[in-house]
């Protein structure tokens, strides 16, 4: 969740220092205090104006790392194909069904998963597709930015593990591949 401080007179904004006479070290100290307040209050972006100087400070999305722990909650989805693959072991006639075991292609970021460029477009990839390193697999929208996720190597897509429009977390399995 993105928090935003818009005005310096709000409690989450940095305290205003005494007027500076153009001293670079004073401005640097002021900027450091502003960043410290942002970290303490978990604020992602601040716009600050004082005596004709306007700053807009934006932190990189630290939440992506903070959400790595909940991604472990999503890992049981990785075990679902293994459980399905283990079921045919009871029936010797269905040995080829155990073949879809493979690697997992994980989400590189937190956001919303989209299989296609638009709702009426064909999905970028589907089960059975063989992809190259430059193939776009999906789009993950994060902070209103559409990020194309590339395959980065050659492989075959065995299954799509996420539904279109679902929220995904950093490290969450997106595709079953081999």
N, C-alpha and C. Protein backbone atom coordinates (compact mmCIF):
# COMPACT_ATOMS: atom_id res chain seq x y z
N UNK A 1 0.85 -1.18 0.00
CA UNK A 1 0.00 0.00 0.00
C UNK A 1 0.89 1.24 0.00
N UNK A 2 0.60 2.16 -0.82
CA UNK A 2 1.41 3.36 -0.99
C UNK A 2 0.87 4.46 -0.11
N UNK A 3 1.75 5.01 0.70
CA UNK A 3 1.38 6.15 1.53
C UNK A 3 2.02 7.37 0.91
N UNK A 4 1.36 8.48 0.98
CA UNK A 4 1.88 9.68 0.35
C UNK A 4 1.68 10.86 1.27
N UNK A 5 2.73 11.61 1.48
CA UNK A 5 2.64 12.85 2.25
C UNK A 5 2.69 13.98 1.25
N UNK A 6 1.71 14.83 1.23
CA UNK A 6 1.64 15.87 0.21
C UNK A 6 2.10 17.22 0.71
N UNK A 7 1.95 17.51 1.99
CA UNK A 7 2.28 18.85 2.48
C UNK A 7 3.23 18.75 3.65
N UNK A 8 4.21 19.64 3.71
CA UNK A 8 5.20 19.56 4.78
C UNK A 8 4.67 19.88 6.16
N UNK A 9 3.49 20.48 6.29
CA UNK A 9 2.99 20.83 7.61
C UNK A 9 2.21 19.67 8.24
N UNK A 10 2.13 18.53 7.57
CA UNK A 10 1.49 17.36 8.14
C UNK A 10 2.47 16.69 9.09
N UNK A 11 1.98 15.88 10.05
CA UNK A 11 2.87 15.27 11.03
C UNK A 11 3.94 14.38 10.41
N UNK A 12 3.70 13.79 9.23
CA UNK A 12 4.68 12.88 8.66
C UNK A 12 5.78 13.61 7.91
N UNK A 13 5.69 14.90 7.76
CA UNK A 13 6.72 15.64 7.03
C UNK A 13 7.87 16.00 7.96
N UNK A 14 9.03 16.27 7.35
CA UNK A 14 10.22 16.58 8.13
C UNK A 14 10.07 17.95 8.78
N UNK A 15 10.66 18.14 9.96
CA UNK A 15 10.63 19.46 10.58
C UNK A 15 11.43 20.44 9.73
N UNK A 16 10.96 21.68 9.68
CA UNK A 16 11.64 22.70 8.88
C UNK A 16 12.84 23.23 9.64
N UNK A 17 14.00 23.21 8.97
CA UNK A 17 15.17 23.76 9.63
C UNK A 17 15.19 25.27 9.52
N UNK A 18 16.13 25.87 10.23
CA UNK A 18 16.29 27.32 10.13
C UNK A 18 16.68 27.68 8.72
N UNK A 19 16.41 28.91 8.31
CA UNK A 19 16.68 29.34 6.95
C UNK A 19 18.14 29.13 6.61
N UNK A 20 18.37 28.58 5.42
CA UNK A 20 19.72 28.31 4.97
C UNK A 20 20.18 29.40 4.04
N UNK A 21 21.43 29.76 4.11
CA UNK A 21 21.97 30.79 3.23
C UNK A 21 22.68 30.14 2.06
N UNK A 22 22.03 29.10 1.49
CA UNK A 22 22.60 28.45 0.32
C UNK A 22 23.65 27.41 0.68
N UNK A 23 23.80 27.09 1.95
CA UNK A 23 24.79 26.09 2.35
C UNK A 23 24.38 24.72 1.88
N UNK A 24 25.21 24.08 1.09
CA UNK A 24 24.91 22.74 0.56
C UNK A 24 24.76 21.71 1.66
N UNK A 25 25.57 21.82 2.72
CA UNK A 25 25.50 20.84 3.79
C UNK A 25 24.19 20.97 4.57
N UNK A 26 23.65 22.19 4.70
CA UNK A 26 22.35 22.37 5.36
C UNK A 26 21.25 21.72 4.54
N UNK A 27 21.29 21.91 3.24
CA UNK A 27 20.28 21.30 2.36
C UNK A 27 20.39 19.78 2.39
N UNK A 28 21.60 19.27 2.40
CA UNK A 28 21.81 17.84 2.47
C UNK A 28 21.27 17.28 3.79
N UNK A 29 21.54 17.98 4.88
CA UNK A 29 21.03 17.54 6.19
C UNK A 29 19.50 17.56 6.20
N UNK A 30 18.92 18.58 5.57
CA UNK A 30 17.46 18.67 5.49
C UNK A 30 16.90 17.51 4.68
N UNK A 31 17.55 17.18 3.57
CA UNK A 31 17.11 16.07 2.74
C UNK A 31 17.24 14.75 3.50
N UNK A 32 18.32 14.57 4.24
CA UNK A 32 18.49 13.36 5.03
C UNK A 32 17.42 13.22 6.10
N UNK A 33 17.04 14.32 6.75
CA UNK A 33 15.96 14.28 7.75
C UNK A 33 14.64 13.91 7.08
N UNK A 34 14.40 14.45 5.90
CA UNK A 34 13.18 14.15 5.16
C UNK A 34 13.11 12.66 4.82
N UNK A 35 14.22 12.11 4.35
CA UNK A 35 14.27 10.69 4.03
C UNK A 35 14.08 9.84 5.28
N UNK A 36 14.67 10.25 6.39
CA UNK A 36 14.53 9.51 7.65
C UNK A 36 13.06 9.46 8.07
N UNK A 37 12.36 10.58 7.96
CA UNK A 37 10.94 10.62 8.31
C UNK A 37 10.16 9.71 7.37
N UNK A 38 10.51 9.71 6.08
CA UNK A 38 9.82 8.85 5.12
C UNK A 38 9.96 7.38 5.52
N UNK A 39 11.16 6.99 5.90
CA UNK A 39 11.40 5.60 6.30
C UNK A 39 10.64 5.27 7.57
N UNK A 40 10.72 6.15 8.57
CA UNK A 40 10.05 5.91 9.85
C UNK A 40 8.53 5.82 9.69
N UNK A 41 7.96 6.65 8.82
CA UNK A 41 6.51 6.69 8.64
C UNK A 41 6.04 5.79 7.50
N UNK A 42 6.97 5.08 6.86
CA UNK A 42 6.67 4.20 5.73
C UNK A 42 5.97 4.96 4.60
N UNK A 43 6.49 6.16 4.31
CA UNK A 43 5.95 7.00 3.24
C UNK A 43 6.80 6.75 2.00
N UNK A 44 6.15 6.59 0.85
CA UNK A 44 6.86 6.29 -0.40
C UNK A 44 7.25 7.56 -1.14
N UNK A 45 6.42 8.60 -1.06
CA UNK A 45 6.69 9.80 -1.84
C UNK A 45 6.32 11.03 -1.04
N UNK A 46 7.16 12.08 -1.13
CA UNK A 46 6.91 13.34 -0.45
C UNK A 46 7.23 14.48 -1.41
N UNK A 47 6.35 15.46 -1.45
CA UNK A 47 6.64 16.71 -2.14
C UNK A 47 6.80 17.76 -1.05
N UNK A 48 7.89 18.54 -1.15
CA UNK A 48 8.25 19.46 -0.08
C UNK A 48 8.73 20.76 -0.71
N UNK A 49 8.18 21.88 -0.25
CA UNK A 49 8.59 23.18 -0.77
C UNK A 49 8.88 24.09 0.41
N UNK A 50 10.05 24.75 0.33
CA UNK A 50 10.45 25.65 1.40
C UNK A 50 11.33 26.74 0.81
N UNK A 51 10.95 27.97 0.98
CA UNK A 51 11.72 29.13 0.57
C UNK A 51 12.18 29.04 -0.89
N UNK A 52 11.23 28.73 -1.76
CA UNK A 52 11.52 28.70 -3.19
C UNK A 52 12.18 27.43 -3.69
N UNK A 53 12.48 26.51 -2.82
CA UNK A 53 13.06 25.23 -3.24
C UNK A 53 11.98 24.17 -3.12
N UNK A 54 11.81 23.44 -4.22
CA UNK A 54 10.80 22.38 -4.22
C UNK A 54 11.49 21.05 -4.46
N UNK A 55 11.18 20.08 -3.59
CA UNK A 55 11.74 18.74 -3.71
C UNK A 55 10.60 17.75 -3.84
N UNK A 56 10.86 16.76 -4.64
CA UNK A 56 9.95 15.61 -4.72
C UNK A 56 10.83 14.39 -4.52
N UNK A 57 10.62 13.68 -3.43
CA UNK A 57 11.44 12.54 -3.08
C UNK A 57 10.57 11.30 -3.14
N UNK A 58 11.04 10.30 -3.88
CA UNK A 58 10.31 9.03 -4.00
C UNK A 58 11.27 7.90 -3.70
N UNK A 59 10.88 7.05 -2.78
CA UNK A 59 11.67 5.86 -2.46
C UNK A 59 11.38 4.78 -3.46
N UNK A 60 12.35 3.93 -3.71
CA UNK A 60 12.07 2.74 -4.49
C UNK A 60 11.10 1.92 -3.68
N UNK A 61 10.39 1.03 -4.32
CA UNK A 61 9.34 0.27 -3.65
C UNK A 61 9.95 -0.73 -2.66
N UNK A 62 10.16 -0.31 -1.39
CA UNK A 62 10.75 -1.23 -0.43
C UNK A 62 9.80 -2.35 -0.04
N UNK A 63 8.52 -2.17 -0.31
CA UNK A 63 7.54 -3.18 0.08
C UNK A 63 7.74 -4.48 -0.69
N UNK A 64 8.35 -4.41 -1.89
CA UNK A 64 8.56 -5.63 -2.65
C UNK A 64 9.42 -6.61 -1.86
N UNK A 65 10.41 -6.11 -1.15
CA UNK A 65 11.23 -6.97 -0.32
C UNK A 65 10.46 -7.35 0.93
N UNK A 66 9.71 -6.42 1.49
CA UNK A 66 8.95 -6.70 2.71
C UNK A 66 7.90 -7.76 2.47
N UNK A 67 7.42 -7.89 1.22
CA UNK A 67 6.39 -8.87 0.93
C UNK A 67 6.96 -10.23 0.58
N UNK A 68 8.27 -10.37 0.66
CA UNK A 68 8.88 -11.65 0.33
C UNK A 68 8.43 -12.73 1.32
N UNK A 69 8.22 -12.39 2.58
CA UNK A 69 7.78 -13.38 3.56
C UNK A 69 6.38 -13.90 3.23
N UNK A 70 5.39 -13.06 2.89
CA UNK A 70 4.10 -13.61 2.53
C UNK A 70 4.16 -14.47 1.28
N UNK A 71 5.16 -14.29 0.42
CA UNK A 71 5.26 -15.12 -0.78
C UNK A 71 5.40 -16.59 -0.39
N UNK A 72 5.96 -16.86 0.79
CA UNK A 72 6.05 -18.24 1.25
C UNK A 72 4.67 -18.83 1.43
N UNK A 73 3.70 -18.00 1.71
CA UNK A 73 2.33 -18.49 1.82
C UNK A 73 1.83 -18.98 0.46
N UNK A 74 2.32 -18.36 -0.61
CA UNK A 74 1.89 -18.75 -1.94
C UNK A 74 2.60 -20.00 -2.42
N UNK A 75 3.71 -20.39 -1.81
CA UNK A 75 4.47 -21.54 -2.26
C UNK A 75 3.70 -22.85 -2.25
N UNK A 76 2.73 -23.06 -1.38
CA UNK A 76 1.97 -24.31 -1.50
C UNK A 76 1.36 -24.51 -2.88
N UNK A 77 1.15 -23.44 -3.64
CA UNK A 77 0.66 -23.59 -5.00
C UNK A 77 1.68 -24.33 -5.85
N UNK A 78 2.96 -24.24 -5.52
CA UNK A 78 4.00 -24.96 -6.24
C UNK A 78 3.81 -26.45 -6.03
N UNK A 79 3.40 -26.83 -4.83
CA UNK A 79 3.24 -28.24 -4.52
C UNK A 79 2.00 -28.84 -5.17
N UNK A 80 1.07 -28.00 -5.59
CA UNK A 80 -0.15 -28.53 -6.20
C UNK A 80 0.15 -29.38 -7.42
N UNK A 81 1.01 -28.98 -8.38
CA UNK A 81 1.30 -29.85 -9.50
C UNK A 81 1.99 -31.14 -9.07
N UNK A 82 2.83 -31.09 -8.04
CA UNK A 82 3.49 -32.29 -7.56
C UNK A 82 2.48 -33.26 -6.97
N UNK A 83 1.49 -32.75 -6.26
CA UNK A 83 0.45 -33.60 -5.69
C UNK A 83 -0.37 -34.22 -6.82
N UNK A 84 -0.70 -33.44 -7.83
CA UNK A 84 -1.45 -33.96 -8.97
C UNK A 84 -0.62 -35.00 -9.70
N UNK A 85 0.68 -34.74 -9.83
CA UNK A 85 1.56 -35.69 -10.51
C UNK A 85 1.74 -36.96 -9.69
N UNK A 86 1.66 -36.86 -8.37
CA UNK A 86 1.82 -38.03 -7.51
C UNK A 86 0.59 -38.93 -7.58
N UNK A 87 -0.57 -38.38 -7.86
CA UNK A 87 -1.80 -39.17 -7.92
C UNK A 87 -1.74 -40.25 -8.99
N UNK A 88 -1.20 -40.02 -10.20
CA UNK A 88 -1.18 -41.06 -11.20
C UNK A 88 -0.29 -42.24 -10.84
N UNK A 89 0.56 -42.10 -9.85
CA UNK A 89 1.42 -43.20 -9.44
C UNK A 89 0.60 -44.39 -8.96
N UNK A 90 -0.63 -44.18 -8.56
CA UNK A 90 -1.51 -45.27 -8.12
C UNK A 90 -1.98 -46.09 -9.32
N UNK A 91 -1.93 -45.50 -10.50
CA UNK A 91 -2.42 -46.17 -11.69
C UNK A 91 -1.27 -46.32 -12.68
N UNK A 92 -0.79 -47.53 -12.94
CA UNK A 92 0.34 -47.70 -13.83
C UNK A 92 0.05 -47.28 -15.27
N UNK A 93 -1.19 -47.27 -15.70
CA UNK A 93 -1.55 -46.93 -17.07
C UNK A 93 -1.37 -45.44 -17.36
N UNK A 94 -1.35 -44.61 -16.35
CA UNK A 94 -1.28 -43.17 -16.56
C UNK A 94 0.11 -42.60 -16.25
N UNK A 95 1.17 -43.35 -16.48
CA UNK A 95 2.53 -42.89 -16.22
C UNK A 95 2.90 -41.64 -17.02
N UNK A 96 2.48 -41.48 -18.30
CA UNK A 96 2.83 -40.26 -19.03
C UNK A 96 2.26 -38.99 -18.40
N UNK A 97 1.19 -39.07 -17.62
CA UNK A 97 0.60 -37.90 -16.99
C UNK A 97 1.54 -37.29 -15.95
N UNK A 98 2.50 -38.08 -15.44
CA UNK A 98 3.44 -37.57 -14.45
C UNK A 98 4.48 -36.65 -15.10
N UNK A 99 4.59 -36.65 -16.42
CA UNK A 99 5.59 -35.86 -17.13
C UNK A 99 5.47 -34.35 -16.93
N UNK A 100 4.27 -33.74 -16.73
CA UNK A 100 4.19 -32.28 -16.62
C UNK A 100 4.91 -31.67 -15.43
N UNK A 101 5.64 -32.45 -14.65
CA UNK A 101 6.44 -31.84 -13.60
C UNK A 101 7.47 -30.93 -14.25
N UNK A 102 7.76 -29.84 -13.62
CA UNK A 102 8.73 -28.92 -14.20
C UNK A 102 9.16 -27.88 -13.19
N UNK A 103 9.81 -26.87 -13.72
CA UNK A 103 10.25 -25.74 -12.90
C UNK A 103 9.10 -24.75 -12.75
N UNK A 104 9.31 -23.80 -11.87
CA UNK A 104 8.33 -22.75 -11.66
C UNK A 104 8.96 -21.41 -12.06
N UNK A 105 8.25 -20.65 -12.87
CA UNK A 105 8.66 -19.28 -13.21
C UNK A 105 7.95 -18.38 -12.21
N UNK A 106 8.74 -17.65 -11.40
CA UNK A 106 8.18 -16.86 -10.31
C UNK A 106 8.04 -15.39 -10.69
N UNK A 107 7.14 -14.72 -10.02
CA UNK A 107 6.92 -13.29 -10.24
C UNK A 107 8.11 -12.49 -9.73
N UNK A 108 8.63 -11.60 -10.57
CA UNK A 108 9.75 -10.78 -10.13
C UNK A 108 9.33 -9.56 -9.32
N UNK A 109 8.00 -9.36 -9.17
CA UNK A 109 7.54 -8.17 -8.45
C UNK A 109 6.12 -8.36 -7.94
N UNK A 110 5.70 -7.44 -7.14
CA UNK A 110 4.36 -7.36 -6.59
C UNK A 110 3.50 -6.58 -7.57
N UNK A 111 2.28 -7.02 -7.82
CA UNK A 111 1.40 -6.27 -8.72
C UNK A 111 0.20 -7.07 -9.15
N UNK A 112 -0.39 -6.67 -10.27
CA UNK A 112 -1.56 -7.34 -10.84
C UNK A 112 -1.13 -8.04 -12.12
N UNK A 113 -1.46 -9.32 -12.24
CA UNK A 113 -1.06 -10.18 -13.35
C UNK A 113 -2.04 -10.03 -14.51
N UNK A 114 -1.50 -9.81 -15.70
CA UNK A 114 -2.32 -9.77 -16.92
C UNK A 114 -1.70 -10.70 -17.96
N UNK A 115 -2.52 -11.57 -18.55
CA UNK A 115 -2.04 -12.52 -19.55
C UNK A 115 -1.90 -11.91 -20.93
N UNK A 116 -2.58 -10.76 -21.18
CA UNK A 116 -2.58 -10.15 -22.50
C UNK A 116 -2.43 -8.64 -22.38
N UNK A 117 -2.12 -8.01 -23.51
CA UNK A 117 -1.92 -6.56 -23.53
C UNK A 117 -3.22 -5.80 -23.32
N UNK A 118 -4.36 -6.40 -23.66
CA UNK A 118 -5.66 -5.78 -23.44
C UNK A 118 -6.68 -6.89 -23.23
N UNK A 119 -7.86 -6.56 -22.70
CA UNK A 119 -8.85 -7.60 -22.41
C UNK A 119 -9.29 -8.40 -23.64
N UNK A 120 -9.28 -7.80 -24.82
CA UNK A 120 -9.73 -8.52 -26.02
C UNK A 120 -8.58 -9.11 -26.83
N UNK A 121 -7.33 -8.95 -26.38
CA UNK A 121 -6.17 -9.48 -27.09
C UNK A 121 -5.91 -10.94 -26.69
N UNK A 122 -5.21 -11.64 -27.56
CA UNK A 122 -4.80 -13.01 -27.28
C UNK A 122 -3.78 -13.01 -26.14
N UNK A 123 -3.78 -14.06 -25.30
CA UNK A 123 -2.75 -14.13 -24.24
C UNK A 123 -1.35 -14.16 -24.85
N UNK A 124 -0.38 -13.62 -24.13
CA UNK A 124 1.00 -13.65 -24.60
C UNK A 124 1.46 -15.08 -24.80
N UNK A 125 1.20 -15.95 -23.81
CA UNK A 125 1.57 -17.37 -23.90
C UNK A 125 0.45 -18.21 -23.31
N UNK A 126 0.44 -19.47 -23.73
CA UNK A 126 -0.51 -20.43 -23.18
C UNK A 126 0.21 -21.77 -23.01
N UNK A 127 -0.41 -22.71 -22.34
CA UNK A 127 0.19 -24.01 -22.11
C UNK A 127 0.56 -24.63 -23.45
N UNK A 128 1.78 -25.18 -23.52
CA UNK A 128 2.26 -25.81 -24.74
C UNK A 128 3.14 -24.91 -25.60
N UNK A 129 3.14 -23.61 -25.34
CA UNK A 129 3.96 -22.68 -26.12
C UNK A 129 5.44 -22.84 -25.76
N UNK A 130 6.28 -22.79 -26.80
CA UNK A 130 7.73 -22.76 -26.59
C UNK A 130 8.15 -21.32 -26.79
N UNK A 131 8.91 -20.79 -25.84
CA UNK A 131 9.25 -19.38 -25.86
C UNK A 131 10.76 -19.18 -25.93
N UNK A 132 11.15 -18.02 -26.45
CA UNK A 132 12.56 -17.65 -26.48
C UNK A 132 12.83 -16.65 -25.36
N UNK A 133 14.08 -16.24 -25.24
CA UNK A 133 14.47 -15.34 -24.15
C UNK A 133 13.75 -14.00 -24.21
N UNK A 134 13.41 -13.52 -25.41
CA UNK A 134 12.78 -12.20 -25.56
C UNK A 134 11.25 -12.26 -25.58
N UNK A 135 10.67 -13.43 -25.41
CA UNK A 135 9.21 -13.56 -25.43
C UNK A 135 8.59 -12.92 -24.19
N UNK A 136 7.58 -12.11 -24.39
CA UNK A 136 6.83 -11.54 -23.26
C UNK A 136 5.86 -12.60 -22.76
N UNK A 137 5.94 -12.91 -21.47
CA UNK A 137 5.08 -13.93 -20.86
C UNK A 137 3.78 -13.33 -20.34
N UNK A 138 3.88 -12.13 -19.77
CA UNK A 138 2.73 -11.51 -19.15
C UNK A 138 3.07 -10.05 -18.86
N UNK A 139 2.11 -9.35 -18.29
CA UNK A 139 2.33 -7.99 -17.81
C UNK A 139 1.98 -8.00 -16.33
N UNK A 140 2.82 -7.34 -15.54
CA UNK A 140 2.50 -7.14 -14.13
C UNK A 140 2.41 -5.64 -13.91
N UNK A 141 1.22 -5.20 -13.52
CA UNK A 141 1.01 -3.79 -13.24
C UNK A 141 1.39 -3.52 -11.80
N UNK A 142 2.30 -2.56 -11.63
CA UNK A 142 2.74 -2.17 -10.30
C UNK A 142 2.81 -0.65 -10.27
N UNK A 143 2.09 -0.05 -9.36
CA UNK A 143 2.06 1.41 -9.20
C UNK A 143 1.69 2.10 -10.52
N UNK A 144 0.69 1.55 -11.19
CA UNK A 144 0.15 2.08 -12.44
C UNK A 144 1.15 2.06 -13.59
N UNK A 145 2.16 1.22 -13.48
CA UNK A 145 3.12 1.02 -14.55
C UNK A 145 2.97 -0.41 -15.04
N UNK A 146 2.82 -0.58 -16.37
CA UNK A 146 2.69 -1.90 -16.97
C UNK A 146 4.09 -2.44 -17.26
N UNK A 147 4.49 -3.49 -16.55
CA UNK A 147 5.82 -4.07 -16.70
C UNK A 147 5.73 -5.37 -17.49
N UNK A 148 6.34 -5.41 -18.68
CA UNK A 148 6.36 -6.63 -19.47
C UNK A 148 7.37 -7.58 -18.84
N UNK A 149 6.93 -8.80 -18.58
CA UNK A 149 7.80 -9.80 -17.99
C UNK A 149 8.27 -10.72 -19.11
N UNK A 150 9.58 -10.74 -19.33
CA UNK A 150 10.19 -11.53 -20.40
C UNK A 150 10.61 -12.90 -19.88
N UNK A 151 10.70 -13.88 -20.79
CA UNK A 151 11.10 -15.24 -20.43
C UNK A 151 12.55 -15.31 -19.98
N UNK A 152 13.43 -14.53 -20.59
CA UNK A 152 14.85 -14.45 -20.28
C UNK A 152 15.65 -15.71 -20.62
N UNK A 153 14.99 -16.77 -21.08
CA UNK A 153 15.65 -17.98 -21.59
C UNK A 153 14.62 -18.81 -22.34
N UNK A 154 15.06 -19.81 -23.04
CA UNK A 154 14.14 -20.66 -23.79
C UNK A 154 13.56 -21.73 -22.87
N UNK A 155 12.26 -21.97 -23.01
CA UNK A 155 11.59 -23.05 -22.29
C UNK A 155 10.21 -23.27 -22.88
N UNK A 156 9.54 -24.29 -22.39
CA UNK A 156 8.16 -24.58 -22.79
C UNK A 156 7.24 -24.27 -21.62
N UNK A 157 6.15 -23.60 -21.88
CA UNK A 157 5.16 -23.29 -20.85
C UNK A 157 4.26 -24.51 -20.69
N UNK A 158 4.24 -25.08 -19.50
CA UNK A 158 3.40 -26.25 -19.24
C UNK A 158 2.02 -25.85 -18.72
N UNK A 159 1.99 -24.80 -17.90
CA UNK A 159 0.72 -24.38 -17.31
C UNK A 159 0.83 -22.93 -16.83
N UNK A 160 -0.28 -22.23 -16.86
CA UNK A 160 -0.37 -20.88 -16.31
C UNK A 160 -1.02 -21.04 -14.94
N UNK A 161 -0.33 -20.61 -13.88
CA UNK A 161 -0.79 -20.87 -12.51
C UNK A 161 -1.60 -19.73 -11.91
N UNK A 162 -1.73 -18.61 -12.63
CA UNK A 162 -2.42 -17.44 -12.10
C UNK A 162 -3.52 -17.03 -13.07
N UNK A 163 -4.64 -16.59 -12.55
CA UNK A 163 -5.73 -16.10 -13.39
C UNK A 163 -5.51 -14.65 -13.78
N UNK A 164 -6.00 -14.30 -14.95
CA UNK A 164 -5.89 -12.92 -15.44
C UNK A 164 -6.54 -11.95 -14.44
N UNK A 165 -5.81 -10.89 -14.11
CA UNK A 165 -6.34 -9.87 -13.19
C UNK A 165 -6.09 -10.15 -11.72
N UNK A 166 -5.50 -11.30 -11.40
CA UNK A 166 -5.24 -11.64 -10.00
C UNK A 166 -4.04 -10.86 -9.47
N UNK A 167 -4.07 -10.48 -8.20
CA UNK A 167 -2.87 -9.87 -7.59
C UNK A 167 -1.82 -10.95 -7.38
N UNK A 168 -0.56 -10.60 -7.61
CA UNK A 168 0.54 -11.53 -7.38
C UNK A 168 1.56 -10.87 -6.47
N UNK A 169 2.31 -11.70 -5.78
CA UNK A 169 3.33 -11.21 -4.86
C UNK A 169 4.71 -11.56 -5.40
N UNK A 170 5.70 -10.89 -4.89
CA UNK A 170 7.08 -11.17 -5.26
C UNK A 170 7.38 -12.63 -4.96
N UNK A 171 7.91 -13.36 -5.93
CA UNK A 171 8.27 -14.76 -5.74
C UNK A 171 7.14 -15.75 -5.92
N UNK A 172 5.95 -15.28 -6.20
CA UNK A 172 4.80 -16.18 -6.38
C UNK A 172 4.93 -16.90 -7.71
N UNK A 173 4.67 -18.22 -7.75
CA UNK A 173 4.73 -18.95 -9.01
C UNK A 173 3.68 -18.45 -10.01
N UNK A 174 4.13 -18.17 -11.24
CA UNK A 174 3.24 -17.70 -12.30
C UNK A 174 3.00 -18.77 -13.35
N UNK A 175 4.09 -19.46 -13.73
CA UNK A 175 4.01 -20.46 -14.80
C UNK A 175 4.76 -21.72 -14.38
N UNK A 176 4.27 -22.87 -14.85
CA UNK A 176 4.98 -24.12 -14.72
C UNK A 176 5.69 -24.30 -16.06
N UNK A 177 7.01 -24.49 -16.02
CA UNK A 177 7.79 -24.53 -17.27
C UNK A 177 8.73 -25.74 -17.26
N UNK A 178 9.29 -26.04 -18.47
CA UNK A 178 10.38 -27.01 -18.57
C UNK A 178 11.26 -26.64 -19.74
